């Protein structure tokens, strides 16, 4: 599994060099060909990637909501698990680009105790379900009708208009990392694996 060395065990002293390196990687376009659409490719574009040191993590209050499949979600059902929340909409082009990477990391980590949850925004249920069928997304997603309350749980770590975005929550229910903008397979896999290994 691909690992990104700049994500390993950040400290307060390493925080600024890490952010500078992330900025350089993003600005240099290292995320790959913008036309990439396979599971092995990367999504190009400007994204903010942050791994949060354990001592600086903030608790996430309970998240609940109706799901696109008709069930209900309650984050308290996933205590002691790493949870990956992805904010998406069927109308969002970068969401379509990153969908295969999310699906792949979900399939690779679900048996290790990782739960993925989508948060569908500014959408309608029919279009959202069609998106999930097209991209073979099997993890649950909170409906647009309940997405506002879910998004508020992340506070300032998640800008209101940031679609797509991905938040990684550790086993203690704290925000361990975030990707504001489209993710790539390598970035998401590394963040999830690092959080899972804690």
Protein backbone atom coordinates (compact mmCIF):
# COMPACT_ATOMS: atom_id res chain seq x y z
CA UNK A 1 0.00 0.00 0.00
CA UNK A 2 1.30 3.43 -0.96
CA UNK A 3 2.45 5.65 1.91
CA UNK A 4 3.38 9.28 1.78
CA UNK A 5 6.45 9.94 3.95
CA UNK A 6 5.38 13.49 4.78
CA UNK A 7 2.34 12.12 6.63
CA UNK A 8 4.31 10.06 9.13
CA UNK A 9 4.13 11.07 12.80
CA UNK A 10 4.03 14.88 12.55
CA UNK A 11 5.19 16.92 15.51
CA UNK A 12 4.70 20.57 16.40
CA UNK A 13 8.26 21.28 15.22
CA UNK A 14 7.58 19.54 11.91
CA UNK A 15 4.23 21.21 11.29
CA UNK A 16 5.45 24.22 9.27
CA UNK A 17 7.84 22.25 7.02
CA UNK A 18 5.04 19.76 6.42
CA UNK A 19 2.58 22.49 5.43
CA UNK A 20 5.18 24.10 3.18
CA UNK A 21 5.89 20.79 1.49
CA UNK A 22 2.18 20.14 1.01
CA UNK A 23 1.78 23.56 -0.55
CA UNK A 24 4.72 22.93 -2.88
CA UNK A 25 3.32 19.55 -3.91
CA UNK A 26 -0.09 21.02 -4.62
CA UNK A 27 1.23 24.01 -6.56
CA UNK A 28 3.60 21.83 -8.59
CA UNK A 29 0.67 19.76 -9.78
CA UNK A 30 2.12 16.52 -8.39
CA UNK A 31 -1.35 15.03 -8.08
CA UNK A 32 -1.21 13.75 -11.63
CA UNK A 33 -3.00 14.03 -14.94
CA UNK A 34 -6.33 15.82 -14.70
CA UNK A 35 -7.78 13.30 -17.12
CA UNK A 36 -6.98 10.34 -14.87
CA UNK A 37 -10.06 8.30 -14.10
CA UNK A 38 -8.78 4.84 -13.17
CA UNK A 39 -8.43 3.51 -9.65
CA UNK A 40 -4.65 3.83 -9.97
CA UNK A 41 -4.70 7.48 -10.99
CA UNK A 42 -4.81 10.70 -9.01
CA UNK A 43 -7.09 13.70 -9.11
CA UNK A 44 -5.48 17.00 -9.96
CA UNK A 45 -6.45 20.35 -8.50
CA UNK A 46 -5.84 22.45 -5.43
CA UNK A 47 -6.57 20.65 -2.16
CA UNK A 48 -5.65 21.38 1.44
CA UNK A 49 -4.33 18.28 3.22
CA UNK A 50 -3.80 18.27 6.97
CA UNK A 51 -2.92 15.59 9.48
CA UNK A 52 -3.68 16.82 12.99
CA UNK A 53 -1.33 15.91 15.88
CA UNK A 54 -3.01 13.89 18.63
CA UNK A 55 -2.55 16.68 21.19
CA UNK A 56 -4.46 19.15 18.99
CA UNK A 57 -7.43 17.04 17.95
CA UNK A 58 -11.00 18.17 18.62
CA UNK A 59 -13.88 15.89 19.60
CA UNK A 60 -16.67 15.51 17.08
CA UNK A 61 -20.18 15.61 18.60
CA UNK A 62 -22.60 12.81 17.64
CA UNK A 63 -23.69 12.82 14.01
CA UNK A 64 -27.08 11.43 13.02
CA UNK A 65 -29.24 11.47 9.92
CA UNK A 66 -31.40 9.64 7.43
CA UNK A 67 -29.51 7.61 4.83
CA UNK A 68 -30.04 7.41 1.08
CA UNK A 69 -30.79 3.69 1.42
CA UNK A 70 -33.64 4.47 3.82
CA UNK A 71 -31.87 3.59 7.07
CA UNK A 72 -30.55 5.91 9.74
CA UNK A 73 -26.99 6.79 10.76
CA UNK A 74 -25.72 7.43 14.26
CA UNK A 75 -21.98 7.93 14.78
CA UNK A 76 -22.31 6.44 18.27
CA UNK A 77 -22.77 3.07 16.57
CA UNK A 78 -19.16 3.30 15.39
CA UNK A 79 -17.30 4.11 18.60
CA UNK A 80 -13.75 2.72 18.68
CA UNK A 81 -13.57 2.73 14.88
CA UNK A 82 -11.82 5.05 12.45
CA UNK A 83 -14.54 6.86 10.48
CA UNK A 84 -14.02 8.60 7.14
CA UNK A 85 -16.65 11.21 6.22
CA UNK A 86 -16.82 12.38 2.61
CA UNK A 87 -18.86 15.44 1.60
CA UNK A 88 -20.13 15.05 -1.96
CA UNK A 89 -22.83 15.82 -4.50
CA UNK A 90 -23.81 14.12 -7.75
CA UNK A 91 -23.49 17.52 -9.50
CA UNK A 92 -19.83 17.92 -8.44
CA UNK A 93 -17.22 17.04 -11.10
CA UNK A 94 -14.32 16.53 -8.61
CA UNK A 95 -16.62 14.21 -6.62
CA UNK A 96 -16.94 12.03 -9.72
CA UNK A 97 -13.15 12.01 -10.14
CA UNK A 98 -12.43 10.99 -6.56
CA UNK A 99 -15.23 8.41 -6.24
CA UNK A 100 -13.10 5.44 -7.44
CA UNK A 101 -10.38 6.31 -4.90
CA UNK A 102 -12.87 6.49 -2.03
CA UNK A 103 -14.38 3.16 -3.08
CA UNK A 104 -10.96 1.55 -3.29
CA UNK A 105 -9.76 2.71 0.15
CA UNK A 106 -13.13 1.69 1.65
CA UNK A 107 -12.80 -1.80 0.18
CA UNK A 108 -9.20 -2.09 1.39
CA UNK A 109 -9.82 -0.95 4.97
CA UNK A 110 -13.39 -1.90 5.92
CA UNK A 111 -12.34 -5.28 7.33
CA UNK A 112 -9.69 -3.54 9.45
CA UNK A 113 -12.31 -1.54 11.34
CA UNK A 114 -12.72 1.56 9.17
CA UNK A 115 -16.20 2.94 8.42
CA UNK A 116 -16.86 5.29 5.49
CA UNK A 117 -19.89 7.60 5.53
CA UNK A 118 -20.93 9.99 2.77
CA UNK A 119 -22.62 13.33 3.44
CA UNK A 120 -24.65 14.25 0.36
CA UNK A 121 -25.18 18.00 -0.12
CA UNK A 122 -27.30 20.28 -2.36
CA UNK A 123 -28.67 17.25 -4.18
CA UNK A 124 -31.82 15.19 -4.61
CA UNK A 125 -32.09 11.58 -3.51
CA UNK A 126 -32.73 10.16 -6.97
CA UNK A 127 -29.61 11.78 -8.47
CA UNK A 128 -27.53 10.81 -5.43
CA UNK A 129 -28.62 7.16 -5.62
CA UNK A 130 -27.85 7.10 -9.36
CA UNK A 131 -24.35 8.44 -8.57
CA UNK A 132 -23.80 5.68 -6.00
CA UNK A 133 -24.90 3.02 -8.49
CA UNK A 134 -22.70 4.40 -11.25
CA UNK A 135 -19.56 4.53 -9.08
CA UNK A 136 -20.38 1.35 -7.10
CA UNK A 137 -20.36 3.17 -3.75
CA UNK A 138 -21.53 0.70 -1.09
CA UNK A 139 -20.92 2.67 2.11
CA UNK A 140 -23.88 4.67 3.50
CA UNK A 141 -24.54 8.36 2.84
CA UNK A 142 -26.54 10.87 4.86
CA UNK A 143 -29.19 12.59 2.74
CA UNK A 144 -29.08 16.24 1.74
CA UNK A 145 -32.07 16.87 4.02
CA UNK A 146 -29.95 16.00 7.08
CA UNK A 147 -26.54 17.09 5.77
CA UNK A 148 -26.52 20.58 7.33
CA UNK A 149 -26.64 19.23 10.89
CA UNK A 150 -23.96 16.67 10.07
CA UNK A 151 -21.64 19.32 8.63
CA UNK A 152 -22.01 21.56 11.69
CA UNK A 153 -20.47 18.80 13.84
CA UNK A 154 -17.06 19.42 12.22
CA UNK A 155 -16.99 23.11 13.11
CA UNK A 156 -14.30 25.32 11.55
CA UNK A 157 -12.34 22.32 10.28
CA UNK A 158 -14.87 21.98 7.46
CA UNK A 159 -15.68 25.13 5.43
CA UNK A 160 -19.37 25.25 4.55
CA UNK A 161 -18.83 25.39 0.78
CA UNK A 162 -16.02 22.84 0.59
CA UNK A 163 -17.30 20.15 -1.77
CA UNK A 164 -15.76 17.65 -1.99
CA UNK A 165 -14.08 17.30 1.39
CA UNK A 166 -12.99 14.34 3.46
CA UNK A 167 -12.62 14.20 7.25
CA UNK A 168 -10.88 11.33 9.08
CA UNK A 169 -12.02 10.74 12.67
CA UNK A 170 -9.89 8.61 15.00
CA UNK A 171 -11.03 5.85 17.35
CA UNK A 172 -11.50 8.40 20.14
CA UNK A 173 -13.96 10.38 18.02
CA UNK A 174 -11.56 13.23 17.24
CA UNK A 175 -10.66 14.82 13.91
CA UNK A 176 -7.34 13.27 12.88
CA UNK A 177 -7.06 14.61 9.36
CA UNK A 178 -8.85 16.45 6.60
CA UNK A 179 -8.71 16.92 2.86
CA UNK A 180 -10.45 20.07 1.65
CA UNK A 181 -10.94 19.52 -2.05
CA UNK A 182 -10.67 16.37 -4.11
CA UNK A 183 -8.59 13.54 -2.70
CA UNK A 184 -6.28 11.07 -4.40
CA UNK A 185 -5.92 7.39 -3.67
CA UNK A 186 -2.42 7.80 -2.21
CA UNK A 187 -3.32 10.71 0.05
CA UNK A 188 -6.49 9.15 1.43
CA UNK A 189 -4.93 5.72 1.88
CA UNK A 190 -1.97 7.17 3.78
CA UNK A 191 -4.13 9.29 6.11
CA UNK A 192 -6.47 6.40 6.88
CA UNK A 193 -3.65 3.90 7.42
CA UNK A 194 -1.77 6.30 9.70
CA UNK A 195 -4.89 6.92 11.78
CA UNK A 196 -5.70 3.21 11.88
CA UNK A 197 -2.18 2.39 13.09
CA UNK A 198 -2.36 4.72 16.10
